[in-house]
Amino acid sequence: MALMTVNDEGAADFRSNNRWSANKKLDVVLRLLRGEKLEELSREVGIEAHRLAAWRDEFLDAGKEGLKGKRATTEDDRRLRDAERKIGELTLENEVWKKVAEKRGLQMPPQKRPR
């Protein structure tokens, strides 16, 4: 059985690395979007066609969200923003109460009473 050799040295770089950086993925996705055939590109870079198609679809979906003019937020993002806002409010309120207590000669937090 004859072995296939690849003359393009760039393809060897893709195959030697199991982990793909975002930039390498972007390069391949842009090649797909420019019209290169999925199957040929898959063979060249040594990545399954379904994986390349998924990268392309993820790229297009993320781009669509960017064009909407606002970042897509998840429920977790909203809850985190609300929690951060509440922490800020409580911190300011604590500072105000500390100042009030200092003016009245009290310590914040109050010392424990002796038994």
Protein backbone atom coordinates (compact mmCIF):
# COMPACT_ATOMS: atom_id res chain seq x y z
CA MET A 1 0.00 0.00 0.00
CA ALA A 2 1.47 3.35 -1.04
CA LEU A 3 1.66 6.21 1.40
CA MET A 4 0.39 9.62 0.40
CA THR A 5 2.77 12.51 0.82
CA VAL A 6 1.76 16.09 1.14
CA ASN A 7 3.90 18.70 -0.53
CA ASP A 8 2.26 21.58 1.30
CA GLU A 9 4.31 22.10 4.46
CA GLY A 10 1.52 24.15 6.07
CA ALA A 11 -0.67 21.06 6.32
CA ALA A 12 1.96 19.27 8.39
CA ASP A 13 1.77 22.08 10.94
CA PHE A 14 -1.97 21.55 11.35
CA ARG A 15 -1.70 17.78 11.79
CA SER A 16 1.15 17.84 14.29
CA ASN A 17 -0.88 19.81 16.83
CA ASN A 18 -3.82 18.13 18.55
CA ARG A 19 -5.04 21.40 20.07
CA TRP A 20 -6.20 24.16 17.79
CA SER A 21 -5.84 27.81 18.72
CA ALA A 22 -8.60 30.24 17.89
CA ASN A 23 -6.39 31.78 15.18
CA LYS A 24 -5.79 28.44 13.46
CA LYS A 25 -9.51 27.66 13.58
CA LEU A 26 -10.25 31.10 12.16
CA ASP A 27 -7.85 30.54 9.27
CA VAL A 28 -9.57 27.29 8.33
CA VAL A 29 -13.08 28.72 8.74
CA LEU A 30 -12.22 31.70 6.54
CA ARG A 31 -10.93 29.32 3.88
CA LEU A 32 -14.29 27.53 4.00
CA LEU A 33 -16.16 30.81 3.71
CA ARG A 34 -14.02 31.81 0.73
CA GLY A 35 -15.30 28.77 -1.11
CA GLU A 36 -12.84 25.93 -0.52
CA LYS A 37 -14.53 22.54 -0.52
CA LEU A 38 -15.19 21.14 2.95
CA GLU A 39 -14.04 17.60 2.14
CA GLU A 40 -10.79 18.70 0.51
CA LEU A 41 -9.95 21.09 3.32
CA SER A 42 -10.78 18.40 5.86
CA ARG A 43 -8.31 15.99 4.28
CA GLU A 44 -5.65 18.70 3.94
CA VAL A 45 -5.70 19.81 7.58
CA GLY A 46 -6.51 16.39 9.06
CA ILE A 47 -9.72 17.40 10.85
CA GLU A 48 -13.07 15.69 10.38
CA ALA A 49 -15.47 17.48 8.05
CA HIS A 50 -18.23 17.61 10.66
CA ARG A 51 -15.88 19.39 13.07
CA LEU A 52 -14.91 21.98 10.46
CA ALA A 53 -18.58 22.53 9.64
CA ALA A 54 -19.32 23.02 13.35
CA TRP A 55 -16.53 25.60 13.65
CA ARG A 56 -17.94 27.43 10.62
CA ASP A 57 -21.47 27.41 12.06
CA GLU A 58 -20.27 28.62 15.49
CA PHE A 59 -18.31 31.40 13.81
CA LEU A 60 -21.33 32.54 11.80
CA ASP A 61 -23.66 32.39 14.82
CA ALA A 62 -21.27 34.47 16.93
CA GLY A 63 -20.95 36.99 14.12
CA LYS A 64 -24.72 37.27 13.84
CA GLU A 65 -24.96 38.08 17.57
CA GLY A 66 -22.31 40.76 17.16
CA LEU A 67 -24.32 42.45 14.42
CA LYS A 68 -27.34 42.78 16.69
CA GLY A 69 -25.56 45.61 18.48
CA LYS A 70 -25.62 44.08 21.92
CA ARG A 71 -23.82 41.19 23.49
CA ALA A 72 -25.86 38.07 23.98
CA THR A 73 -26.31 37.57 27.71
CA THR A 74 -27.18 34.44 29.50
CA GLU A 75 -29.22 34.07 32.65
CA ASP A 76 -25.99 33.54 34.59
CA ASP A 77 -24.55 36.81 33.24
CA ARG A 78 -27.67 38.67 34.34
CA ARG A 79 -27.60 37.12 37.81
CA LEU A 80 -23.91 37.95 38.19
CA ARG A 81 -24.52 41.60 37.25
CA ASP A 82 -27.40 41.79 39.73
CA ALA A 83 -25.25 40.27 42.49
CA GLU A 84 -22.38 42.67 41.77
CA ARG A 85 -24.79 45.61 41.84
CA LYS A 86 -26.22 44.45 45.20
CA ILE A 87 -22.71 44.00 46.67
CA GLY A 88 -21.88 47.56 45.63
CA GLU A 89 -25.04 48.92 47.26
CA LEU A 90 -24.40 47.03 50.51
CA THR A 91 -20.77 48.16 50.59
CA LEU A 92 -21.80 51.80 50.29
CA GLU A 93 -24.49 51.34 52.94
CA ASN A 94 -21.94 49.79 55.32
CA GLU A 95 -19.57 52.71 54.83
CA VAL A 96 -22.35 55.17 55.61
CA TRP A 97 -23.32 53.31 58.81
CA LYS A 98 -19.67 53.15 59.90
CA LYS A 99 -19.38 56.93 59.51
CA VAL A 100 -22.59 57.47 61.48
CA ALA A 101 -21.34 55.16 64.25
CA GLU A 102 -17.97 56.93 64.40
CA LYS A 103 -19.71 60.32 64.80
CA ARG A 104 -21.71 58.89 67.70
CA GLY A 105 -18.61 57.40 69.29
CA LEU A 106 -19.55 53.80 68.61
CA GLN A 107 -17.44 51.04 67.12
CA MET A 108 -18.49 49.09 64.06
CA PRO A 109 -18.92 46.23 64.51
CA PRO A 110 -19.80 46.60 68.18
CA GLN A 111 -17.56 44.87 70.67
CA LYS A 112 -18.93 41.85 72.45
CA ARG A 113 -20.27 42.46 75.95
CA PRO A 114 -18.36 40.85 78.77
CA ARG A 115 -20.28 38.04 80.52
